[in-house]
Amino acid sequence: QVQLVESGGGLVQAGGSLRLSCAASGRTFSNYAIDWFRQAPGKEREFVAAISRLGVMTRYADSVKGRFTISRDNAKNTVYLQLTSLKPEDTAVYHCATTSLPVATERRTYSYWGQGTQVTVSS
């Protein structure tokens, strides 16, 4: 069992920045690759970024590439998502999730995920 708690969301103007955190407890954190995904009202879940178990490999959705950065600190059992140059279309609830899949695998499935943190970008 892994528990994930996201934080750091908020209301920001377009062009602004936020840093999201995902704190994990439970089973060995470094055993898992970690994804961030987001879901806006009325829309399907959307993959945002992934990071491998040791942080060596990362992958991003085309919609956020060059603007978002995923990182992890296994000593702190925490994964981060730095959001910059935010756009109104980035508005969503952002979730972190564990996966046993390689970072490069397109179709993502998750074992555990948190309740999410709301990001709202005003124009």
PDB file of N, CA and C in Angstrom:
ATOM      1  N   GLN A   1       0.840  -1.195   0.000  1.00  0.00           N
ATOM      2  CA  GLN A   1       0.000   0.000   0.000  1.00  0.00           C
ATOM      3  C   GLN A   1       0.880   1.252   0.000  1.00  0.00           C
ATOM      4  N   VAL A   2       0.535   2.204  -0.841  1.00  0.00           N
ATOM      5  CA  VAL A   2       1.240   3.474  -0.903  1.00  0.00           C
ATOM      6  C   VAL A   2       0.210   4.586  -0.761  1.00  0.00           C
ATOM      7  N   GLN A   3       0.512   5.538   0.074  1.00  0.00           N
ATOM      8  CA  GLN A   3      -0.346   6.714   0.203  1.00  0.00           C
ATOM      9  C   GLN A   3       0.354   7.903  -0.442  1.00  0.00           C
ATOM     10  N   LEU A   4      -0.386   8.627  -1.250  1.00  0.00           N
ATOM     11  CA  LEU A   4       0.153   9.794  -1.955  1.00  0.00           C
ATOM     12  C   LEU A   4      -0.673  11.013  -1.603  1.00  0.00           C
ATOM     13  N   VAL A   5       0.010  12.112  -1.289  1.00  0.00           N
ATOM     14  CA  VAL A   5      -0.666  13.358  -0.960  1.00  0.00           C
ATOM     15  C   VAL A   5      -0.053  14.485  -1.780  1.00  0.00           C
ATOM     16  N   GLU A   6      -0.886  15.105  -2.612  1.00  0.00           N
ATOM     17  CA  GLU A   6      -0.439  16.209  -3.445  1.00  0.00           C
ATOM     18  C   GLU A   6      -0.677  17.537  -2.737  1.00  0.00           C
ATOM     19  N   SER A   7       0.164  18.510  -3.026  1.00  0.00           N
ATOM     20  CA  SER A   7      -0.005  19.861  -2.498  1.00  0.00           C
ATOM     21  C   SER A   7       0.640  20.853  -3.444  1.00  0.00           C
ATOM     22  N   GLY A   8       0.377  22.136  -3.203  1.00  0.00           N
ATOM     23  CA  GLY A   8       1.026  23.187  -3.972  1.00  0.00           C
ATOM     24  C   GLY A   8       0.168  23.848  -5.027  1.00  0.00           C
ATOM     25  N   GLY A   9      -1.040  23.348  -5.214  1.00  0.00           N
ATOM     26  CA  GLY A   9      -1.909  23.956  -6.200  1.00  0.00           C
ATOM     27  C   GLY A   9      -2.404  25.324  -5.742  1.00  0.00           C
ATOM     28  N   GLY A  10      -3.100  26.006  -6.633  1.00  0.00           N
ATOM     29  CA  GLY A  10      -3.641  27.312  -6.296  1.00  0.00           C
ATOM     30  C   GLY A  10      -4.138  28.045  -7.507  1.00  0.00           C
ATOM     31  N   LEU A  11      -4.460  29.308  -7.297  1.00  0.00           N
ATOM     32  CA  LEU A  11      -4.926  30.193  -8.368  1.00  0.00           C
ATOM     33  C   LEU A  11      -3.763  31.075  -8.811  1.00  0.00           C
ATOM     34  N   VAL A  12      -3.512  31.109 -10.111  1.00  0.00           N
ATOM     35  CA  VAL A  12      -2.385  31.873 -10.632  1.00  0.00           C
ATOM     36  C   VAL A  12      -2.803  32.494 -11.960  1.00  0.00           C
ATOM     37  N   GLN A  13      -2.202  33.623 -12.282  1.00  0.00           N
ATOM     38  CA  GLN A  13      -2.493  34.257 -13.565  1.00  0.00           C
ATOM     39  C   GLN A  13      -1.733  33.558 -14.682  1.00  0.00           C
ATOM     40  N   ALA A  14      -2.242  33.687 -15.871  1.00  0.00           N
ATOM     41  CA  ALA A  14      -1.552  33.138 -17.036  1.00  0.00           C
ATOM     42  C   ALA A  14      -0.125  33.677 -17.100  1.00  0.00           C
ATOM     43  N   GLY A  15       0.800  32.767 -17.398  1.00  0.00           N
ATOM     44  CA  GLY A  15       2.211  33.120 -17.410  1.00  0.00           C
ATOM     45  C   GLY A  15       2.918  32.877 -16.099  1.00  0.00           C
ATOM     46  N   GLY A  16       2.154  32.589 -15.062  1.00  0.00           N
ATOM     47  CA  GLY A  16       2.716  32.371 -13.747  1.00  0.00           C
ATOM     48  C   GLY A  16       3.267  30.973 -13.557  1.00  0.00           C
ATOM     49  N   SER A  17       3.705  30.707 -12.330  1.00  0.00           N
ATOM     50  CA  SER A  17       4.355  29.431 -12.007  1.00  0.00           C
ATOM     51  C   SER A  17       3.818  28.870 -10.702  1.00  0.00           C
ATOM     52  N   LEU A  18       3.894  27.565 -10.586  1.00  0.00           N
ATOM     53  CA  LEU A  18       3.578  26.850  -9.348  1.00  0.00           C
ATOM     54  C   LEU A  18       4.516  25.656  -9.241  1.00  0.00           C
ATOM     55  N   ARG A  19       4.725  25.190  -8.023  1.00  0.00           N
ATOM     56  CA  ARG A  19       5.433  23.928  -7.838  1.00  0.00           C
ATOM     57  C   ARG A  19       4.549  23.000  -7.022  1.00  0.00           C
ATOM     58  N   LEU A  20       4.212  21.892  -7.633  1.00  0.00           N
ATOM     59  CA  LEU A  20       3.405  20.875  -6.980  1.00  0.00           C
ATOM     60  C   LEU A  20       4.328  19.846  -6.319  1.00  0.00           C
ATOM     61  N   SER A  21       3.872  19.317  -5.196  1.00  0.00           N
ATOM     62  CA  SER A  21       4.596  18.269  -4.495  1.00  0.00           C
ATOM     63  C   SER A  21       3.708  17.057  -4.321  1.00  0.00           C
ATOM     64  N   CYS A  22       4.325  15.899  -4.320  1.00  0.00           N
ATOM     65  CA  CYS A  22       3.634  14.626  -4.104  1.00  0.00           C
ATOM     66  C   CYS A  22       4.427  13.878  -3.047  1.00  0.00           C
ATOM     67  N   ALA A  23       3.873  13.807  -1.846  1.00  0.00           N
ATOM     68  CA  ALA A  23       4.541  13.136  -0.737  1.00  0.00           C
ATOM     69  C   ALA A  23       3.994  11.716  -0.602  1.00  0.00           C
ATOM     70  N   ALA A  24       4.897  10.757  -0.497  1.00  0.00           N
ATOM     71  CA  ALA A  24       4.498   9.357  -0.455  1.00  0.00           C
ATOM     72  C   ALA A  24       4.862   8.718   0.867  1.00  0.00           C
ATOM     73  N   SER A  25       4.046   7.800   1.287  1.00  0.00           N
ATOM     74  CA  SER A  25       4.348   6.993   2.468  1.00  0.00           C
ATOM     75  C   SER A  25       3.900   5.571   2.190  1.00  0.00           C
ATOM     76  N   GLY A  26       4.418   4.641   2.977  1.00  0.00           N
ATOM     77  CA  GLY A  26       4.042   3.251   2.767  1.00  0.00           C
ATOM     78  C   GLY A  26       5.203   2.453   2.218  1.00  0.00           C
ATOM     79  N   ARG A  27       4.917   1.685   1.193  1.00  0.00           N
ATOM     80  CA  ARG A  27       5.937   0.810   0.638  1.00  0.00           C
ATOM     81  C   ARG A  27       7.061   1.615  -0.015  1.00  0.00           C
ATOM     82  N   THR A  28       8.165   0.983  -0.274  1.00  0.00           N
ATOM     83  CA  THR A  28       9.375   1.656  -0.724  1.00  0.00           C
ATOM     84  C   THR A  28       9.103   2.523  -1.944  1.00  0.00           C
ATOM     85  N   PHE A  29       9.275   3.808  -1.746  1.00  0.00           N
ATOM     86  CA  PHE A  29       8.949   4.798  -2.761  1.00  0.00           C
ATOM     87  C   PHE A  29       9.765   4.609  -4.027  1.00  0.00           C
ATOM     88  N   SER A  30      11.031   4.287  -3.867  1.00  0.00           N
ATOM     89  CA  SER A  30      11.918   4.199  -5.032  1.00  0.00           C
ATOM     90  C   SER A  30      11.652   2.959  -5.882  1.00  0.00           C
ATOM     91  N   ASN A  31      10.723   2.116  -5.479  1.00  0.00           N
ATOM     92  CA  ASN A  31      10.341   0.961  -6.291  1.00  0.00           C
ATOM     93  C   ASN A  31       9.460   1.347  -7.470  1.00  0.00           C
ATOM     94  N   TYR A  32       8.943   2.574  -7.448  1.00  0.00           N
ATOM     95  CA  TYR A  32       7.932   2.970  -8.415  1.00  0.00           C
ATOM     96  C   TYR A  32       8.381   4.121  -9.300  1.00  0.00           C
ATOM     97  N   ALA A  33       8.028   4.031 -10.574  1.00  0.00           N
ATOM     98  CA  ALA A  33       7.986   5.223 -11.389  1.00  0.00           C
ATOM     99  C   ALA A  33       6.766   6.032 -10.944  1.00  0.00           C
ATOM    100  N   ILE A  34       6.818   7.321 -11.135  1.00  0.00           N
ATOM    101  CA  ILE A  34       5.733   8.199 -10.710  1.00  0.00           C
ATOM    102  C   ILE A  34       5.270   9.058 -11.880  1.00  0.00           C
ATOM    103  N   ASP A  35       3.986   9.140 -12.042  1.00  0.00           N
ATOM    104  CA  ASP A  35       3.392  10.007 -13.050  1.00  0.00           C
ATOM    105  C   ASP A  35       2.649  11.160 -12.371  1.00  0.00           C
ATOM    106  N   TRP A  36       2.539  12.223 -13.107  1.00  0.00           N
ATOM    107  CA  TRP A  36       1.519  13.240 -12.830  1.00  0.00           C
ATOM    108  C   TRP A  36       0.504  13.166 -13.977  1.00  0.00           C
ATOM    109  N   PHE A  37      -0.762  13.167 -13.600  1.00  0.00           N
ATOM    110  CA  PHE A  37      -1.797  13.307 -14.610  1.00  0.00           C
ATOM    111  C   PHE A  37      -2.772  14.374 -14.128  1.00  0.00           C
ATOM    112  N   ARG A  38      -3.610  14.869 -15.016  1.00  0.00           N
ATOM    113  CA  ARG A  38      -4.561  15.907 -14.638  1.00  0.00           C
ATOM    114  C   ARG A  38      -5.930  15.592 -15.226  1.00  0.00           C
ATOM    115  N   GLN A  39      -6.930  16.153 -14.592  1.00  0.00           N
ATOM    116  CA  GLN A  39      -8.299  15.970 -15.076  1.00  0.00           C
ATOM    117  C   GLN A  39      -9.071  17.253 -14.863  1.00  0.00           C
ATOM    118  N   ALA A  40      -9.590  17.783 -15.938  1.00  0.00           N
ATOM    119  CA  ALA A  40     -10.428  18.970 -15.900  1.00  0.00           C
ATOM    120  C   ALA A  40     -11.888  18.538 -15.934  1.00  0.00           C
ATOM    121  N   PRO A  41     -12.782  19.377 -15.425  1.00  0.00           N
ATOM    122  CA  PRO A  41     -14.212  19.013 -15.412  1.00  0.00           C
ATOM    123  C   PRO A  41     -14.720  18.672 -16.799  1.00  0.00           C
ATOM    124  N   GLY A  42     -15.373  17.535 -16.908  1.00  0.00           N
ATOM    125  CA  GLY A  42     -15.950  17.125 -18.177  1.00  0.00           C
ATOM    126  C   GLY A  42     -14.964  16.575 -19.175  1.00  0.00           C
ATOM    127  N   LYS A  43     -13.701  16.437 -18.776  1.00  0.00           N
ATOM    128  CA  LYS A  43     -12.689  15.936 -19.696  1.00  0.00           C
ATOM    129  C   LYS A  43     -12.076  14.651 -19.169  1.00  0.00           C
ATOM    130  N   GLU A  44     -11.465  13.903 -20.074  1.00  0.00           N
ATOM    131  CA  GLU A  44     -10.815  12.672 -19.668  1.00  0.00           C
ATOM    132  C   GLU A  44      -9.497  12.965 -18.959  1.00  0.00           C
ATOM    133  N   ARG A  45      -9.046  11.974 -18.223  1.00  0.00           N
ATOM    134  CA  ARG A  45      -7.742  12.063 -17.588  1.00  0.00           C
ATOM    135  C   ARG A  45      -6.669  12.251 -18.653  1.00  0.00           C
ATOM    136  N   GLU A  46      -5.703  13.114 -18.354  1.00  0.00           N
ATOM    137  CA  GLU A  46      -4.651  13.428 -19.314  1.00  0.00           C
ATOM    138  C   GLU A  46      -3.291  13.231 -18.666  1.00  0.00           C
ATOM    139  N   PHE A  47      -2.466  12.411 -19.279  1.00  0.00           N
ATOM    140  CA  PHE A  47      -1.085  12.234 -18.837  1.00  0.00           C
ATOM    141  C   PHE A  47      -0.344  13.558 -18.945  1.00  0.00           C
ATOM    142  N   VAL A  48       0.470  13.879 -17.932  1.00  0.00           N
ATOM    143  CA  VAL A  48       1.243  15.120 -17.937  1.00  0.00           C
ATOM    144  C   VAL A  48       2.738  14.822 -17.996  1.00  0.00           C
ATOM    145  N   ALA A  49       3.234  14.003 -17.061  1.00  0.00           N
ATOM    146  CA  ALA A  49       4.676  13.752 -16.999  1.00  0.00           C
ATOM    147  C   ALA A  49       4.928  12.471 -16.234  1.00  0.00           C
ATOM    148  N   ALA A  50       6.086  11.867 -16.495  1.00  0.00           N
ATOM    149  CA  ALA A  50       6.488  10.650 -15.810  1.00  0.00           C
ATOM    150  C   ALA A  50       7.962  10.727 -15.476  1.00  0.00           C
ATOM    151  N   ILE A  51       8.332  10.064 -14.391  1.00  0.00           N
ATOM    152  CA  ILE A  51       9.738   9.996 -13.993  1.00  0.00           C
ATOM    153  C   ILE A  51      10.043   8.578 -13.528  1.00  0.00           C
ATOM    154  N   SER A  52      11.196   8.076 -13.912  1.00  0.00           N
ATOM    155  CA  SER A  52      11.570   6.711 -13.568  1.00  0.00           C
ATOM    156  C   SER A  52      11.926   6.598 -12.092  1.00  0.00           C
ATOM    157  N   ARG A  53      12.151   5.341 -11.671  1.00  0.00           N
ATOM    158  CA  ARG A  53      12.345   5.083 -10.237  1.00  0.00           C
ATOM    159  C   ARG A  53      13.484   5.883  -9.645  1.00  0.00           C
ATOM    160  N   LEU A  54      14.570   6.003 -10.365  1.00  0.00           N
ATOM    161  CA  LEU A  54      15.740   6.717  -9.837  1.00  0.00           C
ATOM    162  C   LEU A  54      15.867   8.118 -10.427  1.00  0.00           C
ATOM    163  N   GLY A  55      14.876   8.541 -11.194  1.00  0.00           N
ATOM    164  CA  GLY A  55      14.885   9.901 -11.732  1.00  0.00           C
ATOM    165  C   GLY A  55      15.741  10.090 -12.958  1.00  0.00           C
ATOM    166  N   VAL A  56      16.200   8.997 -13.553  1.00  0.00           N
ATOM    167  CA  VAL A  56      17.107   9.115 -14.702  1.00  0.00           C
ATOM    168  C   VAL A  56      16.339   9.464 -15.975  1.00  0.00           C
ATOM    169  N   MET A  57      15.142   8.927 -16.115  1.00  0.00           N
ATOM    170  CA  MET A  57      14.355   9.137 -17.330  1.00  0.00           C
ATOM    171  C   MET A  57      13.086   9.915 -17.003  1.00  0.00           C
ATOM    172  N   THR A  58      12.726  10.814 -17.902  1.00  0.00           N
ATOM    173  CA  THR A  58      11.482  11.553 -17.778  1.00  0.00           C
ATOM    174  C   THR A  58      10.788  11.606 -19.130  1.00  0.00           C
ATOM    175  N   ARG A  59       9.498  11.860 -19.111  1.00  0.00           N
ATOM    176  CA  ARG A  59       8.729  12.037 -20.353  1.00  0.00           C
ATOM    177  C   ARG A  59       7.599  12.999 -20.072  1.00  0.00           C
ATOM    178  N   TYR A  60       7.249  13.763 -21.077  1.00  0.00           N
ATOM    179  CA  TYR A  60       6.223  14.792 -20.923  1.00  0.00           C
ATOM    180  C   TYR A  60       5.197  14.716 -22.040  1.00  0.00           C
ATOM    181  N   ALA A  61       3.987  15.119 -21.711  1.00  0.00           N
ATOM    182  CA  ALA A  61       2.992  15.307 -22.754  1.00  0.00           C
ATOM    183  C   ALA A  61       3.423  16.478 -23.631  1.00  0.00           C
ATOM    184  N   ASP A  62       3.076  16.403 -24.902  1.00  0.00           N
ATOM    185  CA  ASP A  62       3.450  17.482 -25.818  1.00  0.00           C
ATOM    186  C   ASP A  62       2.900  18.826 -25.353  1.00  0.00           C
ATOM    187  N   SER A  63       1.752  18.804 -24.720  1.00  0.00           N
ATOM    188  CA  SER A  63       1.093  20.044 -24.313  1.00  0.00           C
ATOM    189  C   SER A  63       1.838  20.789 -23.208  1.00  0.00           C
ATOM    190  N   VAL A  64       2.739  20.104 -22.514  1.00  0.00           N
ATOM    191  CA  VAL A  64       3.451  20.749 -21.392  1.00  0.00           C
ATOM    192  C   VAL A  64       4.958  20.756 -21.593  1.00  0.00           C
ATOM    193  N   LYS A  65       5.427  20.113 -22.634  1.00  0.00           N
ATOM    194  CA  LYS A  65       6.863  19.995 -22.861  1.00  0.00           C
ATOM    195  C   LYS A  65       7.498  21.385 -22.972  1.00  0.00           C
ATOM    196  N   GLY A  66       8.585  21.582 -22.243  1.00  0.00           N
ATOM    197  CA  GLY A  66       9.267  22.869 -22.238  1.00  0.00           C
ATOM    198  C   GLY A  66       8.738  23.840 -21.201  1.00  0.00           C
ATOM    199  N   ARG A  67       7.594  23.506 -20.603  1.00  0.00           N
ATOM    200  CA  ARG A  67       7.007  24.389 -19.584  1.00  0.00           C
ATOM    201  C   ARG A  67       6.986  23.742 -18.200  1.00  0.00           C
ATOM    202  N   PHE A  68       6.820  22.432 -18.162  1.00  0.00           N
ATOM    203  CA  PHE A  68       6.742  21.707 -16.884  1.00  0.00           C
ATOM    204  C   PHE A  68       8.002  20.860 -16.710  1.00  0.00           C
ATOM    205  N   THR A  69       8.417  20.678 -15.446  1.00  0.00           N
ATOM    206  CA  THR A  69       9.567  19.838 -15.138  1.00  0.00           C
ATOM    207  C   THR A  69       9.232  18.931 -13.965  1.00  0.00           C
ATOM    208  N   ILE A  70       9.435  17.638 -14.166  1.00  0.00           N
ATOM    209  CA  ILE A  70       9.216  16.660 -13.111  1.00  0.00           C
ATOM    210  C   ILE A  70      10.557  16.273 -12.508  1.00  0.00           C
ATOM    211  N   SER A  71      10.565  16.086 -11.195  1.00  0.00           N
ATOM    212  CA  SER A  71      11.781  15.669 -10.501  1.00  0.00           C
ATOM    213  C   SER A  71      11.376  14.875  -9.261  1.00  0.00           C
ATOM    214  N   ARG A  72      12.324  14.199  -8.664  1.00  0.00           N
ATOM    215  CA  ARG A  72      12.023  13.435  -7.445  1.00  0.00           C
ATOM    216  C   ARG A  72      13.212  13.460  -6.506  1.00  0.00           C
ATOM    217  N   ASP A  73      12.902  13.316  -5.229  1.00  0.00           N
ATOM    218  CA  ASP A  73      13.896  13.197  -4.168  1.00  0.00           C
ATOM    219  C   ASP A  73      13.521  11.955  -3.371  1.00  0.00           C
ATOM    220  N   ASN A  74      14.169  10.844  -3.674  1.00  0.00           N
ATOM    221  CA  ASN A  74      13.801   9.585  -3.015  1.00  0.00           C
ATOM    222  C   ASN A  74      14.125   9.609  -1.525  1.00  0.00           C
ATOM    223  N   ALA A  75      15.095  10.390  -1.110  1.00  0.00           N
ATOM    224  CA  ALA A  75      15.408  10.497   0.317  1.00  0.00           C
ATOM    225  C   ALA A  75      14.257  11.142   1.090  1.00  0.00           C
ATOM    226  N   LYS A  76      13.477  11.973   0.399  1.00  0.00           N
ATOM    227  CA  LYS A  76      12.332  12.644   1.020  1.00  0.00           C
ATOM    228  C   LYS A  76      11.006  12.015   0.614  1.00  0.00           C
ATOM    229  N   ASN A  77      11.056  10.939  -0.178  1.00  0.00           N
ATOM    230  CA  ASN A  77       9.828  10.286  -0.656  1.00  0.00           C
ATOM    231  C   ASN A  77       8.889  11.296  -1.323  1.00  0.00           C
ATOM    232  N   THR A  78       9.453  12.146  -2.132  1.00  0.00           N
ATOM    233  CA  THR A  78       8.669  13.231  -2.728  1.00  0.00           C
ATOM    234  C   THR A  78       8.995  13.390  -4.214  1.00  0.00           C
ATOM    235  N   VAL A  79       7.947  13.635  -4.982  1.00  0.00           N
ATOM    236  CA  VAL A  79       8.074  13.983  -6.399  1.00  0.00           C
ATOM    237  C   VAL A  79       7.526  15.385  -6.584  1.00  0.00           C
ATOM    238  N   TYR A  80       8.160  16.125  -7.456  1.00  0.00           N
ATOM    239  CA  TYR A  80       7.771  17.512  -7.696  1.00  0.00           C
ATOM    240  C   TYR A  80       7.352  17.695  -9.157  1.00  0.00           C
ATOM    241  N   LEU A  81       6.504  18.671  -9.374  1.00  0.00           N
ATOM    242  CA  LEU A  81       6.185  19.097 -10.737  1.00  0.00           C
ATOM    243  C   LEU A  81       6.228  20.618 -10.750  1.00  0.00           C
ATOM    244  N   GLN A  82       7.235  21.149 -11.423  1.00  0.00           N
ATOM    245  CA  GLN A  82       7.372  22.593 -11.574  1.00  0.00           C
ATOM    246  C   GLN A  82       6.583  23.016 -12.800  1.00  0.00           C
ATOM    247  N   LEU A  83       5.648  23.926 -12.600  1.00  0.00           N
ATOM    248  CA  LEU A  83       4.797  24.409 -13.684  1.00  0.00           C
ATOM    249  C   LEU A  83       5.178  25.865 -13.976  1.00  0.00           C
ATOM    250  N   THR A  84       5.553  26.155 -15.199  1.00  0.00           N
ATOM    251  CA  THR A  84       5.870  27.529 -15.594  1.00  0.00           C
ATOM    252  C   THR A  84       5.088  27.897 -16.845  1.00  0.00           C
ATOM    253  N   SER A  85       5.075  29.181 -17.149  1.00  0.00           N
ATOM    254  CA  SER A  85       4.354  29.684 -18.333  1.00  0.00           C
ATOM    255  C   SER A  85       2.955  29.105 -18.403  1.00  0.00           C
ATOM    256  N   LEU A  86       2.265  29.142 -17.288  1.00  0.00           N
ATOM    257  CA  LEU A  86       0.956  28.501 -17.208  1.00  0.00           C
ATOM    258  C   LEU A  86      -0.061  29.177 -18.127  1.00  0.00           C
ATOM    259  N   LYS A  87      -0.970  28.346 -18.646  1.00  0.00           N
ATOM    260  CA  LYS A  87      -2.022  28.781 -19.553  1.00  0.00           C
ATOM    261  C   LYS A  87      -3.371  28.421 -18.954  1.00  0.00           C
ATOM    262  N   PRO A  88      -4.425  29.127 -19.319  1.00  0.00           N
ATOM    263  CA  PRO A  88      -5.756  28.760 -18.800  1.00  0.00           C
ATOM    264  C   PRO A  88      -6.117  27.304 -19.073  1.00  0.00           C
ATOM    265  N   GLU A  89      -5.667  26.759 -20.166  1.00  0.00           N
ATOM    266  CA  GLU A  89      -5.985  25.352 -20.478  1.00  0.00           C
ATOM    267  C   GLU A  89      -5.244  24.360 -19.583  1.00  0.00           C
ATOM    268  N   ASP A  90      -4.335  24.845 -18.737  1.00  0.00           N
ATOM    269  CA  ASP A  90      -3.701  23.970 -17.749  1.00  0.00           C
ATOM    270  C   ASP A  90      -4.564  23.786 -16.504  1.00  0.00           C
ATOM    271  N   THR A  91      -5.663  24.503 -16.417  1.00  0.00           N
ATOM    272  CA  THR A  91      -6.562  24.398 -15.265  1.00  0.00           C
ATOM    273  C   THR A  91      -7.114  22.981 -15.151  1.00  0.00           C
ATOM    274  N   ALA A  92      -6.906  22.374 -13.985  1.00  0.00           N
ATOM    275  CA  ALA A  92      -7.329  20.989 -13.754  1.00  0.00           C
ATOM    276  C   ALA A  92      -6.960  20.594 -12.325  1.00  0.00           C
ATOM    277  N   VAL A  93      -7.438  19.440 -11.921  1.00  0.00           N
ATOM    278  CA  VAL A  93      -6.941  18.804 -10.700  1.00  0.00           C
ATOM    279  C   VAL A  93      -5.759  17.934 -11.106  1.00  0.00           C
ATOM    280  N   TYR A  94      -4.648  18.125 -10.438  1.00  0.00           N
ATOM    281  CA  TYR A  94      -3.414  17.404 -10.747  1.00  0.00           C
ATOM    282  C   TYR A  94      -3.211  16.300  -9.712  1.00  0.00           C
ATOM    283  N   HIS A  95      -2.982  15.093 -10.208  1.00  0.00           N
ATOM    284  CA  HIS A  95      -2.782  13.932  -9.363  1.00  0.00           C
ATOM    285  C   HIS A  95      -1.409  13.330  -9.634  1.00  0.00           C
ATOM    286  N   CYS A  96      -0.794  12.779  -8.601  1.00  0.00           N
ATOM    287  CA  CYS A  96       0.377  11.932  -8.805  1.00  0.00           C
ATOM    288  C   CYS A  96      -0.042  10.485  -8.604  1.00  0.00           C
ATOM    289  N   ALA A  97       0.696   9.583  -9.235  1.00  0.00           N
ATOM    290  CA  ALA A  97       0.308   8.180  -9.210  1.00  0.00           C
ATOM    291  C   ALA A  97       1.536   7.301  -9.362  1.00  0.00           C
ATOM    292  N   THR A  98       1.470   6.113  -8.792  1.00  0.00           N
ATOM    293  CA  THR A  98       2.549   5.144  -8.952  1.00  0.00           C
ATOM    294  C   THR A  98       2.228   4.220 -10.126  1.00  0.00           C
ATOM    295  N   THR A  99       3.267   3.784 -10.785  1.00  0.00           N
ATOM    296  CA  THR A  99       3.106   2.844 -11.882  1.00  0.00           C
ATOM    297  C   THR A  99       4.316   1.938 -11.954  1.00  0.00           C
ATOM    298  N   SER A 100       4.078   0.711 -12.423  1.00  0.00           N
ATOM    299  CA  SER A 100       5.190  -0.215 -12.637  1.00  0.00           C
ATOM    300  C   SER A 100       5.639  -0.201 -14.095  1.00  0.00           C
ATOM    301  N   LEU A 101       5.018   0.643 -14.889  1.00  0.00           N
ATOM    302  CA  LEU A 101       5.329   0.692 -16.313  1.00  0.00           C
ATOM    303  C   LEU A 101       6.587   1.503 -16.584  1.00  0.00           C
ATOM    304  N   PRO A 102       7.332   1.139 -17.625  1.00  0.00           N
ATOM    305  CA  PRO A 102       8.447   1.997 -18.030  1.00  0.00           C
ATOM    306  C   PRO A 102       7.947   3.387 -18.433  1.00  0.00           C
ATOM    307  N   VAL A 103       8.791   4.368 -18.270  1.00  0.00           N
ATOM    308  CA  VAL A 103       8.425   5.744 -18.586  1.00  0.00           C
ATOM    309  C   VAL A 103       7.967   5.881 -20.038  1.00  0.00           C
ATOM    310  N   ALA A 104       8.586   5.125 -20.938  1.00  0.00           N
ATOM    311  CA  ALA A 104       8.312   5.274 -22.367  1.00  0.00           C
ATOM    312  C   ALA A 104       6.987   4.667 -22.800  1.00  0.00           C
ATOM    313  N   THR A 105       6.357   3.866 -21.966  1.00  0.00           N
ATOM    314  CA  THR A 105       5.095   3.221 -22.337  1.00  0.00           C
ATOM    315  C   THR A 105       4.007   4.271 -22.475  1.00  0.00           C
ATOM    316  N   GLU A 106       3.353   4.258 -23.644  1.00  0.00           N
ATOM    317  CA  GLU A 106       2.367   5.299 -23.914  1.00  0.00           C
ATOM    318  C   GLU A 106       1.113   5.153 -23.057  1.00  0.00           C
ATOM    319  N   ARG A 107       0.557   3.961 -23.042  1.00  0.00           N
ATOM    320  CA  ARG A 107      -0.706   3.751 -22.322  1.00  0.00           C
ATOM    321  C   ARG A 107      -0.400   3.530 -20.848  1.00  0.00           C
ATOM    322  N   ARG A 108      -0.833   4.465 -20.005  1.00  0.00           N
ATOM    323  CA  ARG A 108      -0.456   4.448 -18.606  1.00  0.00           C
ATOM    324  C   ARG A 108      -1.551   3.823 -17.740  1.00  0.00           C
ATOM    325  N   THR A 109      -1.155   3.001 -16.810  1.00  0.00           N
ATOM    326  CA  THR A 109      -2.068   2.474 -15.792  1.00  0.00           C
ATOM    327  C   THR A 109      -1.393   2.648 -14.443  1.00  0.00           C
ATOM    328  N   TYR A 110      -2.230   2.788 -13.417  1.00  0.00           N
ATOM    329  CA  TYR A 110      -1.702   3.165 -12.116  1.00  0.00           C
ATOM    330  C   TYR A 110      -2.157   2.229 -11.013  1.00  0.00           C
ATOM    331  N   SER A 111      -1.279   2.069 -10.017  1.00  0.00           N
ATOM    332  CA  SER A 111      -1.613   1.250  -8.862  1.00  0.00           C
ATOM    333  C   SER A 111      -2.232   2.108  -7.758  1.00  0.00           C
ATOM    334  N   TYR A 112      -1.643   3.241  -7.504  1.00  0.00           N
ATOM    335  CA  TYR A 112      -2.108   4.137  -6.439  1.00  0.00           C
ATOM    336  C   TYR A 112      -2.071   5.578  -6.956  1.00  0.00           C
ATOM    337  N   TRP A 113      -2.964   6.394  -6.456  1.00  0.00           N
ATOM    338  CA  TRP A 113      -2.952   7.817  -6.772  1.00  0.00           C
ATOM    339  C   TRP A 113      -3.564   8.604  -5.630  1.00  0.00           C
ATOM    340  N   GLY A 114      -3.233   9.894  -5.603  1.00  0.00           N
ATOM    341  CA  GLY A 114      -3.723  10.730  -4.523  1.00  0.00           C
ATOM    342  C   GLY A 114      -5.012  11.447  -4.876  1.00  0.00           C
ATOM    343  N   GLN A 115      -5.475  12.266  -3.941  1.00  0.00           N
ATOM    344  CA  GLN A 115      -6.737  12.993  -4.125  1.00  0.00           C
ATOM    345  C   GLN A 115      -6.600  14.165  -5.075  1.00  0.00           C
ATOM    346  N   GLY A 116      -5.388  14.625  -5.276  1.00  0.00           N
ATOM    347  CA  GLY A 116      -5.160  15.693  -6.227  1.00  0.00           C
ATOM    348  C   GLY A 116      -5.089  17.065  -5.592  1.00  0.00           C
ATOM    349  N   THR A 117      -4.546  18.009  -6.372  1.00  0.00           N
ATOM    350  CA  THR A 117      -4.469  19.403  -5.964  1.00  0.00           C
ATOM    351  C   THR A 117      -4.947  20.267  -7.132  1.00  0.00           C
ATOM    352  N   GLN A 118      -5.786  21.243  -6.834  1.00  0.00           N
ATOM    353  CA  GLN A 118      -6.414  22.047  -7.876  1.00  0.00           C
ATOM    354  C   GLN A 118      -5.456  23.134  -8.365  1.00  0.00           C
ATOM    355  N   VAL A 119      -5.303  23.221  -9.669  1.00  0.00           N
ATOM    356  CA  VAL A 119      -4.560  24.319 -10.302  1.00  0.00           C
ATOM    357  C   VAL A 119      -5.552  25.085 -11.160  1.00  0.00           C
ATOM    358  N   THR A 120      -5.659  26.375 -10.912  1.00  0.00           N
ATOM    359  CA  THR A 120      -6.547  27.233 -11.688  1.00  0.00           C
ATOM    360  C   THR A 120      -5.734  28.387 -12.260  1.00  0.00           C
ATOM    361  N   VAL A 121      -5.796  28.531 -13.568  1.00  0.00           N
ATOM    362  CA  VAL A 121      -5.037  29.576 -14.256  1.00  0.00           C
ATOM    363  C   VAL A 121      -6.020  30.560 -14.863  1.00  0.00           C
ATOM    364  N   SER A 122      -5.938  31.805 -14.438  1.00  0.00           N
ATOM    365  CA  SER A 122      -6.844  32.833 -14.954  1.00  0.00           C
ATOM    366  C   SER A 122      -6.189  33.559 -16.126  1.00  0.00           C
ATOM    367  N   SER A 123      -7.038  33.997 -17.051  1.00  0.00           N
ATOM    368  CA  SER A 123      -6.515  34.674 -18.247  1.00  0.00           C
ATOM    369  C   SER A 123      -6.400  36.175 -18.028  1.00  0.00           C
TER     370      SER A 123
END
